[in-house]
Amino acid sequence: MKTAIVLHGMPNKINYYSASANSQSNCHWIPWIQQQLIIKDITTQTPEMPESFNPDYGKWLDVFKQFKVDSSTTLIGHSCGGGFLTKWLTLNHIQVNKVILVAPWIDPNQTKEMFKDFKVGNDLVEKTVSGITIFNSDNDTEEVQNSSRIIKEANPNILLKEFHNYGHFCYKDLKSNEFPELLEEAIK
């Protein structure tokens, strides 16, 4: 059975606790991609990560471990969610189907505990059946640009897809909850 797990990014604390804001697992393109993958018979989970405004690898790992991950699983991570997946793949010896990192953030300045003393592994592509793709936009933040560069330099066989003016791939940048380029990459 094909499965997918989609991990959201890191909001600010005000949005995290706002009663009027969508939860992180229900904003931007995440509900849309989940629905589209389910329509393609890919069982898709979009877990809500705890205290995502201050990401903690151990806490996120406790939630992530609730899901079966194997060679038929596609992993999609946005921003800090992509950073978490990068760290998880680095630290674990498991093979997954494919990984798509959308504007991955691995905290290159190491300001968050989640990424303190973290170094990207150089065997990430070997841990996938179908490879790893990074979605990067030319007008995203310098930290995200550096994160993408660090991941790609450690793993030259990663496919880097460059986008023009997609910002951080959020609703305000895409002007849509739909993300057809991501769907195309996820199902190919």
N, C-alpha and C. Protein backbone atom coordinates (compact mmCIF):
# COMPACT_ATOMS: atom_id res chain seq x y z
N MET A 1 0.84 -1.18 0.00
CA MET A 1 0.00 0.00 0.00
C MET A 1 0.88 1.25 0.00
N LYS A 2 0.60 2.17 -0.92
CA LYS A 2 1.34 3.42 -0.98
C LYS A 2 0.84 4.36 0.11
N THR A 3 1.79 5.01 0.78
CA THR A 3 1.45 5.97 1.82
C THR A 3 2.26 7.24 1.65
N ALA A 4 1.81 8.29 2.30
CA ALA A 4 2.55 9.55 2.32
C ALA A 4 2.35 10.21 3.68
N ILE A 5 3.37 10.92 4.10
CA ILE A 5 3.30 11.73 5.31
C ILE A 5 3.75 13.13 4.93
N VAL A 6 2.94 14.12 5.27
CA VAL A 6 3.24 15.52 4.94
C VAL A 6 3.44 16.26 6.26
N LEU A 7 4.62 16.86 6.42
CA LEU A 7 4.93 17.59 7.65
C LEU A 7 4.95 19.10 7.39
N HIS A 8 4.26 19.81 8.22
CA HIS A 8 4.19 21.27 8.13
C HIS A 8 5.46 21.92 8.68
N GLY A 9 5.50 23.23 8.58
CA GLY A 9 6.65 23.99 9.05
C GLY A 9 6.44 24.59 10.43
N MET A 10 7.18 25.65 10.69
CA MET A 10 7.23 26.28 12.01
C MET A 10 6.53 27.65 11.97
N PRO A 11 5.38 27.78 12.62
CA PRO A 11 4.71 29.07 12.69
C PRO A 11 5.32 29.93 13.79
N ASN A 12 4.89 31.18 13.83
CA ASN A 12 5.28 31.95 15.01
C ASN A 12 4.31 31.60 16.14
N LYS A 13 4.69 31.94 17.35
CA LYS A 13 3.92 31.54 18.53
C LYS A 13 2.52 32.15 18.52
N ILE A 14 2.39 33.37 18.04
CA ILE A 14 1.08 34.03 18.01
C ILE A 14 0.12 33.26 17.10
N ASN A 15 0.57 32.88 15.90
CA ASN A 15 -0.30 32.11 14.99
C ASN A 15 -0.60 30.73 15.55
N TYR A 16 0.37 30.12 16.21
CA TYR A 16 0.18 28.79 16.76
C TYR A 16 -0.98 28.77 17.76
N TYR A 17 -1.06 29.81 18.60
CA TYR A 17 -2.08 29.85 19.64
C TYR A 17 -3.32 30.67 19.24
N SER A 18 -3.40 31.11 18.02
CA SER A 18 -4.54 31.90 17.57
C SER A 18 -5.75 31.01 17.30
N ALA A 19 -6.87 31.37 17.90
CA ALA A 19 -8.11 30.63 17.68
C ALA A 19 -8.67 30.85 16.28
N SER A 20 -8.24 31.91 15.62
CA SER A 20 -8.77 32.20 14.29
C SER A 20 -7.88 31.68 13.16
N ALA A 21 -6.71 31.18 13.49
CA ALA A 21 -5.80 30.66 12.46
C ALA A 21 -5.98 29.15 12.32
N ASN A 22 -5.80 28.65 11.10
CA ASN A 22 -5.81 27.20 10.90
C ASN A 22 -4.61 26.58 11.60
N SER A 23 -4.79 25.34 12.03
CA SER A 23 -3.63 24.62 12.56
C SER A 23 -2.63 24.45 11.43
N GLN A 24 -1.38 24.24 11.75
CA GLN A 24 -0.34 24.16 10.73
C GLN A 24 -0.57 23.02 9.74
N SER A 25 -1.13 21.93 10.22
CA SER A 25 -1.37 20.80 9.32
C SER A 25 -2.59 21.03 8.42
N ASN A 26 -3.26 22.14 8.60
CA ASN A 26 -4.45 22.47 7.81
C ASN A 26 -4.35 23.82 7.13
N CYS A 27 -3.15 24.26 6.83
CA CYS A 27 -3.02 25.54 6.14
C CYS A 27 -2.17 25.39 4.87
N HIS A 28 -2.15 26.46 4.13
CA HIS A 28 -1.45 26.52 2.84
C HIS A 28 -1.97 25.42 1.92
N TRP A 29 -1.11 24.66 1.34
CA TRP A 29 -1.47 23.62 0.36
C TRP A 29 -1.58 22.23 0.99
N ILE A 30 -1.38 22.11 2.28
CA ILE A 30 -1.33 20.78 2.91
C ILE A 30 -2.65 20.02 2.79
N PRO A 31 -3.81 20.61 3.11
CA PRO A 31 -5.05 19.84 2.93
C PRO A 31 -5.29 19.45 1.47
N TRP A 32 -4.93 20.35 0.56
CA TRP A 32 -5.13 20.07 -0.86
C TRP A 32 -4.28 18.89 -1.32
N ILE A 33 -3.00 18.89 -0.95
CA ILE A 33 -2.13 17.79 -1.39
C ILE A 33 -2.58 16.48 -0.75
N GLN A 34 -3.03 16.54 0.50
CA GLN A 34 -3.53 15.32 1.14
C GLN A 34 -4.72 14.76 0.35
N GLN A 35 -5.67 15.61 0.01
CA GLN A 35 -6.85 15.17 -0.74
C GLN A 35 -6.45 14.61 -2.10
N GLN A 36 -5.55 15.30 -2.79
CA GLN A 36 -5.15 14.84 -4.13
C GLN A 36 -4.45 13.49 -4.08
N LEU A 37 -3.63 13.27 -3.07
CA LEU A 37 -2.94 11.98 -2.95
C LEU A 37 -3.91 10.87 -2.56
N ILE A 38 -4.86 11.19 -1.69
CA ILE A 38 -5.87 10.20 -1.31
C ILE A 38 -6.68 9.78 -2.55
N ILE A 39 -7.02 10.74 -3.40
CA ILE A 39 -7.74 10.44 -4.64
C ILE A 39 -6.93 9.48 -5.52
N LYS A 40 -5.62 9.54 -5.41
CA LYS A 40 -4.73 8.65 -6.18
C LYS A 40 -4.45 7.35 -5.42
N ASP A 41 -5.25 7.06 -4.40
CA ASP A 41 -5.11 5.85 -3.58
C ASP A 41 -3.79 5.79 -2.81
N ILE A 42 -3.31 6.96 -2.39
CA ILE A 42 -2.13 7.04 -1.54
C ILE A 42 -2.61 7.51 -0.17
N THR A 43 -2.61 6.61 0.80
CA THR A 43 -3.05 6.96 2.15
C THR A 43 -2.10 8.03 2.69
N THR A 44 -2.65 9.19 3.03
CA THR A 44 -1.81 10.35 3.36
C THR A 44 -2.17 10.91 4.73
N GLN A 45 -1.15 11.07 5.54
CA GLN A 45 -1.31 11.64 6.88
C GLN A 45 -0.64 13.01 6.94
N THR A 46 -1.25 13.92 7.68
CA THR A 46 -0.68 15.26 7.88
C THR A 46 -0.68 15.57 9.38
N PRO A 47 0.23 14.96 10.13
CA PRO A 47 0.20 15.13 11.59
C PRO A 47 0.47 16.57 12.03
N GLU A 48 -0.13 16.91 13.15
CA GLU A 48 0.13 18.21 13.78
C GLU A 48 1.28 18.02 14.76
N MET A 49 2.37 18.72 14.53
CA MET A 49 3.53 18.58 15.39
C MET A 49 3.41 19.47 16.62
N PRO A 50 3.83 18.97 17.77
CA PRO A 50 3.64 19.70 19.03
C PRO A 50 4.52 20.95 19.12
N GLU A 51 3.94 22.00 19.66
CA GLU A 51 4.66 23.26 19.90
C GLU A 51 5.57 23.59 18.73
N SER A 52 5.00 23.58 17.54
CA SER A 52 5.82 23.74 16.33
C SER A 52 6.47 25.11 16.22
N PHE A 53 6.03 26.08 17.00
CA PHE A 53 6.69 27.39 17.02
C PHE A 53 8.08 27.31 17.64
N ASN A 54 8.33 26.25 18.42
CA ASN A 54 9.63 26.02 19.05
C ASN A 54 9.98 24.54 18.86
N PRO A 55 10.36 24.15 17.64
CA PRO A 55 10.49 22.73 17.32
C PRO A 55 11.51 21.99 18.18
N ASP A 56 11.07 20.83 18.64
CA ASP A 56 11.90 19.96 19.46
C ASP A 56 11.94 18.60 18.78
N TYR A 57 13.12 18.14 18.38
CA TYR A 57 13.24 16.90 17.62
C TYR A 57 12.60 15.73 18.35
N GLY A 58 12.84 15.59 19.64
CA GLY A 58 12.29 14.47 20.40
C GLY A 58 10.77 14.47 20.41
N LYS A 59 10.17 15.64 20.60
CA LYS A 59 8.71 15.73 20.61
C LYS A 59 8.12 15.45 19.23
N TRP A 60 8.79 15.99 18.20
CA TRP A 60 8.30 15.73 16.84
C TRP A 60 8.48 14.25 16.50
N LEU A 61 9.58 13.67 16.95
CA LEU A 61 9.84 12.25 16.69
C LEU A 61 8.78 11.37 17.33
N ASP A 62 8.34 11.71 18.54
CA ASP A 62 7.30 10.94 19.22
C ASP A 62 6.03 10.87 18.37
N VAL A 63 5.67 11.97 17.73
CA VAL A 63 4.49 11.99 16.86
C VAL A 63 4.78 11.22 15.58
N PHE A 64 5.93 11.47 14.97
CA PHE A 64 6.28 10.85 13.69
C PHE A 64 6.34 9.33 13.80
N LYS A 65 6.81 8.82 14.93
CA LYS A 65 6.94 7.37 15.12
C LYS A 65 5.59 6.65 15.17
N GLN A 66 4.52 7.38 15.25
CA GLN A 66 3.20 6.76 15.26
C GLN A 66 2.79 6.23 13.89
N PHE A 67 3.55 6.60 12.86
CA PHE A 67 3.22 6.22 11.50
C PHE A 67 4.21 5.20 10.96
N LYS A 68 3.69 4.25 10.20
CA LYS A 68 4.55 3.27 9.54
C LYS A 68 5.26 3.95 8.37
N VAL A 69 6.57 3.83 8.35
CA VAL A 69 7.37 4.40 7.27
C VAL A 69 8.20 3.27 6.68
N ASP A 70 8.04 3.07 5.36
CA ASP A 70 8.80 2.02 4.69
C ASP A 70 9.06 2.41 3.24
N SER A 71 9.48 1.45 2.44
CA SER A 71 9.88 1.74 1.06
C SER A 71 8.71 2.12 0.15
N SER A 72 7.49 2.09 0.66
CA SER A 72 6.35 2.55 -0.13
C SER A 72 5.83 3.91 0.36
N THR A 73 6.57 4.54 1.26
CA THR A 73 6.16 5.82 1.85
C THR A 73 6.86 6.99 1.18
N THR A 74 6.06 7.98 0.78
CA THR A 74 6.59 9.25 0.29
C THR A 74 6.53 10.24 1.45
N LEU A 75 7.64 10.93 1.68
CA LEU A 75 7.71 11.93 2.74
C LEU A 75 7.79 13.32 2.10
N ILE A 76 6.93 14.22 2.56
CA ILE A 76 6.91 15.59 2.08
C ILE A 76 7.04 16.49 3.29
N GLY A 77 8.00 17.38 3.26
CA GLY A 77 8.19 18.30 4.38
C GLY A 77 8.31 19.73 3.91
N HIS A 78 7.57 20.62 4.56
CA HIS A 78 7.65 22.04 4.25
C HIS A 78 8.45 22.75 5.33
N SER A 79 9.45 23.50 4.92
CA SER A 79 10.24 24.34 5.82
C SER A 79 10.87 23.52 6.95
N CYS A 80 10.49 23.79 8.18
CA CYS A 80 11.05 23.05 9.31
C CYS A 80 10.66 21.57 9.25
N GLY A 81 9.50 21.26 8.66
CA GLY A 81 9.11 19.87 8.45
C GLY A 81 10.09 19.17 7.53
N GLY A 82 10.58 19.88 6.51
CA GLY A 82 11.62 19.33 5.64
C GLY A 82 12.93 19.17 6.38
N GLY A 83 13.22 20.10 7.27
CA GLY A 83 14.42 19.99 8.09
C GLY A 83 14.35 18.78 9.00
N PHE A 84 13.18 18.58 9.62
CA PHE A 84 13.00 17.39 10.47
C PHE A 84 13.23 16.12 9.67
N LEU A 85 12.65 16.03 8.47
CA LEU A 85 12.82 14.83 7.65
C LEU A 85 14.29 14.62 7.25
N THR A 86 14.98 15.70 6.98
CA THR A 86 16.40 15.61 6.65
C THR A 86 17.19 15.04 7.83
N LYS A 87 16.91 15.54 9.02
CA LYS A 87 17.59 15.04 10.21
C LYS A 87 17.19 13.58 10.48
N TRP A 88 15.90 13.27 10.36
CA TRP A 88 15.44 11.92 10.61
C TRP A 88 16.09 10.93 9.65
N LEU A 89 16.16 11.27 8.38
CA LEU A 89 16.83 10.40 7.40
C LEU A 89 18.31 10.25 7.70
N THR A 90 18.94 11.33 8.14
CA THR A 90 20.36 11.28 8.48
C THR A 90 20.60 10.31 9.64
N LEU A 91 19.72 10.32 10.62
CA LEU A 91 19.93 9.54 11.85
C LEU A 91 19.39 8.12 11.80
N ASN A 92 18.62 7.77 10.77
CA ASN A 92 17.99 6.45 10.73
C ASN A 92 18.41 5.66 9.50
N HIS A 93 18.38 4.36 9.65
CA HIS A 93 18.74 3.45 8.57
C HIS A 93 17.48 2.77 8.08
N ILE A 94 16.74 3.48 7.25
CA ILE A 94 15.49 2.97 6.71
C ILE A 94 15.38 3.49 5.28
N GLN A 95 14.73 2.73 4.43
CA GLN A 95 14.54 3.17 3.06
C GLN A 95 13.08 3.57 2.86
N VAL A 96 12.88 4.72 2.25
CA VAL A 96 11.55 5.23 1.92
C VAL A 96 11.42 5.32 0.41
N ASN A 97 10.19 5.56 -0.06
CA ASN A 97 9.99 5.66 -1.51
C ASN A 97 10.67 6.90 -2.07
N LYS A 98 10.19 8.06 -1.64
CA LYS A 98 10.78 9.31 -2.10
C LYS A 98 10.58 10.38 -1.05
N VAL A 99 11.37 11.45 -1.18
CA VAL A 99 11.30 12.57 -0.25
C VAL A 99 11.23 13.85 -1.07
N ILE A 100 10.30 14.72 -0.69
CA ILE A 100 10.20 16.04 -1.32
C ILE A 100 10.31 17.08 -0.21
N LEU A 101 11.34 17.89 -0.31
CA LEU A 101 11.60 18.94 0.67
C LEU A 101 11.21 20.28 0.05
N VAL A 102 10.15 20.88 0.54
CA VAL A 102 9.65 22.14 0.02
C VAL A 102 10.20 23.26 0.90
N ALA A 103 11.09 24.07 0.34
CA ALA A 103 11.72 25.17 1.09
C ALA A 103 12.27 24.66 2.43
N PRO A 104 13.11 23.62 2.39
CA PRO A 104 13.57 23.04 3.66
C PRO A 104 14.39 24.03 4.48
N TRP A 105 14.19 23.97 5.78
CA TRP A 105 14.92 24.82 6.72
C TRP A 105 15.57 23.94 7.76
N ILE A 106 16.89 23.97 7.81
CA ILE A 106 17.63 23.18 8.80
C ILE A 106 18.34 24.08 9.80
N ASP A 107 17.88 25.33 9.89
CA ASP A 107 18.43 26.27 10.86
C ASP A 107 19.95 26.37 10.73
N PRO A 108 20.45 26.85 9.58
CA PRO A 108 21.89 26.89 9.37
C PRO A 108 22.65 27.70 10.42
N ASN A 109 21.97 28.62 11.11
CA ASN A 109 22.62 29.39 12.18
C ASN A 109 22.51 28.70 13.52
N GLN A 110 21.85 27.55 13.55
CA GLN A 110 21.68 26.71 14.74
C GLN A 110 21.18 27.50 15.95
N THR A 111 20.04 28.15 15.75
CA THR A 111 19.43 28.91 16.84
C THR A 111 18.39 28.09 17.59
N LYS A 112 17.90 27.03 16.99
CA LYS A 112 16.88 26.18 17.61
C LYS A 112 17.51 24.87 18.07
N GLU A 113 17.03 24.40 19.19
CA GLU A 113 17.56 23.16 19.77
C GLU A 113 17.44 21.98 18.81
N MET A 114 16.39 21.98 18.00
CA MET A 114 16.15 20.86 17.08
C MET A 114 17.36 20.57 16.18
N PHE A 115 18.08 21.59 15.82
CA PHE A 115 19.17 21.41 14.86
C PHE A 115 20.56 21.71 15.43
N LYS A 116 20.67 21.86 16.75
CA LYS A 116 21.98 22.10 17.37
C LYS A 116 22.93 20.97 17.01
N ASP A 117 24.11 21.32 16.56
CA ASP A 117 25.17 20.35 16.24
C ASP A 117 24.75 19.33 15.19
N PHE A 118 23.76 19.65 14.37
CA PHE A 118 23.30 18.73 13.33
C PHE A 118 24.09 18.94 12.05
N LYS A 119 24.53 17.84 11.47
CA LYS A 119 25.23 17.86 10.18
C LYS A 119 24.48 16.93 9.24
N VAL A 120 24.13 17.43 8.07
CA VAL A 120 23.37 16.65 7.09
C VAL A 120 24.19 15.45 6.64
N GLY A 121 23.55 14.28 6.64
CA GLY A 121 24.22 13.07 6.15
C GLY A 121 24.43 13.14 4.65
N ASN A 122 25.44 12.40 4.17
CA ASN A 122 25.73 12.41 2.74
C ASN A 122 25.20 11.16 2.03
N ASP A 123 24.33 10.42 2.69
CA ASP A 123 23.78 9.19 2.10
C ASP A 123 22.26 9.23 2.01
N LEU A 124 21.70 10.44 1.97
CA LEU A 124 20.25 10.55 2.00
C LEU A 124 19.59 9.92 0.77
N VAL A 125 20.15 10.15 -0.41
CA VAL A 125 19.54 9.63 -1.63
C VAL A 125 19.52 8.10 -1.61
N GLU A 126 20.56 7.50 -1.05
CA GLU A 126 20.62 6.03 -0.98
C GLU A 126 19.53 5.45 -0.09
N LYS A 127 18.92 6.28 0.75
CA LYS A 127 17.87 5.82 1.65
C LYS A 127 16.48 5.93 1.01
N THR A 128 16.45 6.19 -0.30
CA THR A 128 15.18 6.31 -1.00
C THR A 128 15.17 5.38 -2.20
N VAL A 129 13.98 4.96 -2.59
CA VAL A 129 13.80 4.16 -3.79
C VAL A 129 13.79 5.08 -5.01
N SER A 130 13.11 6.21 -4.90
CA SER A 130 12.90 7.10 -6.05
C SER A 130 13.57 8.46 -5.93
N GLY A 131 14.41 8.66 -4.93
CA GLY A 131 15.18 9.88 -4.84
C GLY A 131 14.57 10.98 -3.98
N ILE A 132 15.30 12.08 -3.94
CA ILE A 132 14.92 13.25 -3.14
C ILE A 132 14.88 14.47 -4.06
N THR A 133 13.87 15.28 -3.87
CA THR A 133 13.73 16.52 -4.63
C THR A 133 13.59 17.67 -3.65
N ILE A 134 14.31 18.75 -3.92
CA ILE A 134 14.16 19.99 -3.16
C ILE A 134 13.44 21.00 -4.05
N PHE A 135 12.39 21.62 -3.51
CA PHE A 135 11.72 22.74 -4.17
C PHE A 135 12.28 24.02 -3.53
N ASN A 136 12.89 24.87 -4.34
CA ASN A 136 13.50 26.09 -3.84
C ASN A 136 13.01 27.27 -4.67
N SER A 137 12.69 28.37 -4.01
CA SER A 137 12.28 29.58 -4.72
C SER A 137 13.36 30.63 -4.62
N ASP A 138 13.57 31.35 -5.72
CA ASP A 138 14.64 32.35 -5.77
C ASP A 138 14.38 33.55 -4.86
N ASN A 139 13.17 33.71 -4.34
CA ASN A 139 12.91 34.84 -3.45
C ASN A 139 12.54 34.41 -2.03
N ASP A 140 12.99 33.21 -1.63
CA ASP A 140 12.80 32.76 -0.25
C ASP A 140 13.90 33.40 0.60
N THR A 141 13.86 33.19 1.90
CA THR A 141 14.84 33.80 2.80
C THR A 141 16.23 33.23 2.58
N GLU A 142 17.21 33.97 3.03
CA GLU A 142 18.61 33.53 2.92
C GLU A 142 18.84 32.24 3.71
N GLU A 143 18.20 32.10 4.87
CA GLU A 143 18.36 30.88 5.67
C GLU A 143 17.84 29.65 4.94
N VAL A 144 16.72 29.79 4.25
CA VAL A 144 16.18 28.66 3.49
C VAL A 144 17.07 28.38 2.28
N GLN A 145 17.54 29.43 1.62
CA GLN A 145 18.46 29.24 0.49
C GLN A 145 19.72 28.49 0.96
N ASN A 146 20.25 28.88 2.11
CA ASN A 146 21.44 28.21 2.66
C ASN A 146 21.13 26.77 3.04
N SER A 147 19.96 26.53 3.61
CA SER A 147 19.57 25.17 3.98
C SER A 147 19.53 24.27 2.74
N SER A 148 18.88 24.75 1.69
CA SER A 148 18.81 23.97 0.44
C SER A 148 20.20 23.69 -0.10
N ARG A 149 21.06 24.70 -0.07
CA ARG A 149 22.43 24.54 -0.57
C ARG A 149 23.19 23.51 0.25
N ILE A 150 23.09 23.56 1.56
CA ILE A 150 23.80 22.62 2.44
C ILE A 150 23.34 21.19 2.18
N ILE A 151 22.04 20.99 2.07
CA ILE A 151 21.51 19.64 1.82
C ILE A 151 21.98 19.13 0.46
N LYS A 152 21.91 19.98 -0.55
CA LYS A 152 22.30 19.60 -1.92
C LYS A 152 23.81 19.33 -2.00
N GLU A 153 24.63 20.15 -1.35
CA GLU A 153 26.08 19.94 -1.39
C GLU A 153 26.48 18.63 -0.72
N ALA A 154 25.78 18.26 0.34
CA ALA A 154 26.08 16.98 1.02
C ALA A 154 25.61 15.79 0.20
N ASN A 155 24.64 16.02 -0.68
CA ASN A 155 24.02 14.95 -1.46
C ASN A 155 23.83 15.43 -2.91
N PRO A 156 24.89 15.43 -3.70
CA PRO A 156 24.82 15.98 -5.07
C PRO A 156 23.76 15.35 -5.97
N ASN A 157 23.31 14.13 -5.66
CA ASN A 157 22.32 13.47 -6.51
C ASN A 157 20.88 13.88 -6.21
N ILE A 158 20.71 14.79 -5.27
CA ILE A 158 19.37 15.32 -5.02
C ILE A 158 18.98 16.20 -6.20
N LEU A 159 17.72 16.08 -6.62
CA LEU A 159 17.19 16.92 -7.68
C LEU A 159 16.74 18.25 -7.06
N LEU A 160 17.26 19.34 -7.56
CA LEU A 160 16.90 20.67 -7.08
C LEU A 160 16.02 21.33 -8.13
N LYS A 161 14.78 21.62 -7.76
CA LYS A 161 13.86 22.31 -8.68
C LYS A 161 13.74 23.75 -8.23
N GLU A 162 14.16 24.64 -9.10
CA GLU A 162 14.13 26.08 -8.80
C GLU A 162 12.85 26.70 -9.32
N PHE A 163 12.24 27.55 -8.50
CA PHE A 163 11.02 28.26 -8.87
C PHE A 163 11.27 29.76 -8.76
N HIS A 164 10.58 30.52 -9.59
CA HIS A 164 10.73 31.98 -9.60
C HIS A 164 9.53 32.61 -8.89
N ASN A 165 9.81 33.39 -7.85
CA ASN A 165 8.80 34.15 -7.11
C ASN A 165 7.75 33.28 -6.42
N TYR A 166 8.14 32.12 -5.92
CA TYR A 166 7.22 31.29 -5.14
C TYR A 166 7.40 31.53 -3.63
N GLY A 167 8.31 32.44 -3.27
CA GLY A 167 8.51 32.78 -1.86
C GLY A 167 8.81 31.56 -1.02
N HIS A 168 8.08 31.42 0.08
CA HIS A 168 8.27 30.29 0.98
C HIS A 168 7.21 29.21 0.74
N PHE A 169 6.59 29.26 -0.44
CA PHE A 169 5.58 28.27 -0.85
C PHE A 169 4.39 28.26 0.11
N CYS A 170 4.03 29.43 0.63
CA CYS A 170 2.86 29.57 1.50
C CYS A 170 1.72 30.17 0.69
N TYR A 171 0.55 30.18 1.27
CA TYR A 171 -0.61 30.73 0.57
C TYR A 171 -0.36 32.15 0.08
N LYS A 172 0.22 32.99 0.93
CA LYS A 172 0.44 34.40 0.56
C LYS A 172 1.40 34.53 -0.62
N ASP A 173 2.27 33.55 -0.81
CA ASP A 173 3.20 33.58 -1.94
C ASP A 173 2.59 32.96 -3.20
N LEU A 174 1.92 31.82 -3.03
CA LEU A 174 1.36 31.09 -4.16
C LEU A 174 0.01 31.66 -4.61
N LYS A 175 -0.65 32.40 -3.71
CA LYS A 175 -1.99 32.95 -3.98
C LYS A 175 -3.00 31.84 -4.27
N SER A 176 -2.73 30.67 -3.73
CA SER A 176 -3.60 29.52 -3.95
C SER A 176 -3.31 28.46 -2.91
N ASN A 177 -4.31 27.64 -2.61
CA ASN A 177 -4.10 26.48 -1.76
C ASN A 177 -3.70 25.26 -2.58
N GLU A 178 -3.71 25.40 -3.90
CA GLU A 178 -3.32 24.31 -4.78
C GLU A 178 -1.84 24.44 -5.13
N PHE A 179 -1.20 23.29 -5.29
CA PHE A 179 0.24 23.26 -5.58
C PHE A 179 0.48 22.12 -6.57
N PRO A 180 0.07 22.32 -7.84
CA PRO A 180 0.15 21.24 -8.83
C PRO A 180 1.56 20.71 -9.08
N GLU A 181 2.56 21.55 -8.97
CA GLU A 181 3.94 21.09 -9.18
C GLU A 181 4.34 20.05 -8.14
N LEU A 182 3.87 20.25 -6.92
CA LEU A 182 4.15 19.28 -5.85
C LEU A 182 3.43 17.97 -6.12
N LEU A 183 2.18 18.05 -6.52
CA LEU A 183 1.43 16.84 -6.82
C LEU A 183 2.11 16.06 -7.94
N GLU A 184 2.51 16.75 -8.97
CA GLU A 184 3.18 16.08 -10.10
C GLU A 184 4.44 15.34 -9.62
N GLU A 185 5.22 15.99 -8.79
CA GLU A 185 6.44 15.36 -8.28
C GLU A 185 6.12 14.19 -7.36
N ALA A 186 5.09 14.31 -6.57
CA ALA A 186 4.74 13.28 -5.60
C ALA A 186 4.25 12.00 -6.27
N ILE A 187 3.55 12.12 -7.38
CA ILE A 187 2.96 10.93 -8.01
C ILE A 187 3.79 10.36 -9.16
N LYS A 188 4.84 11.05 -9.57
CA LYS A 188 5.60 10.50 -10.71
C LYS A 188 6.51 9.36 -10.30
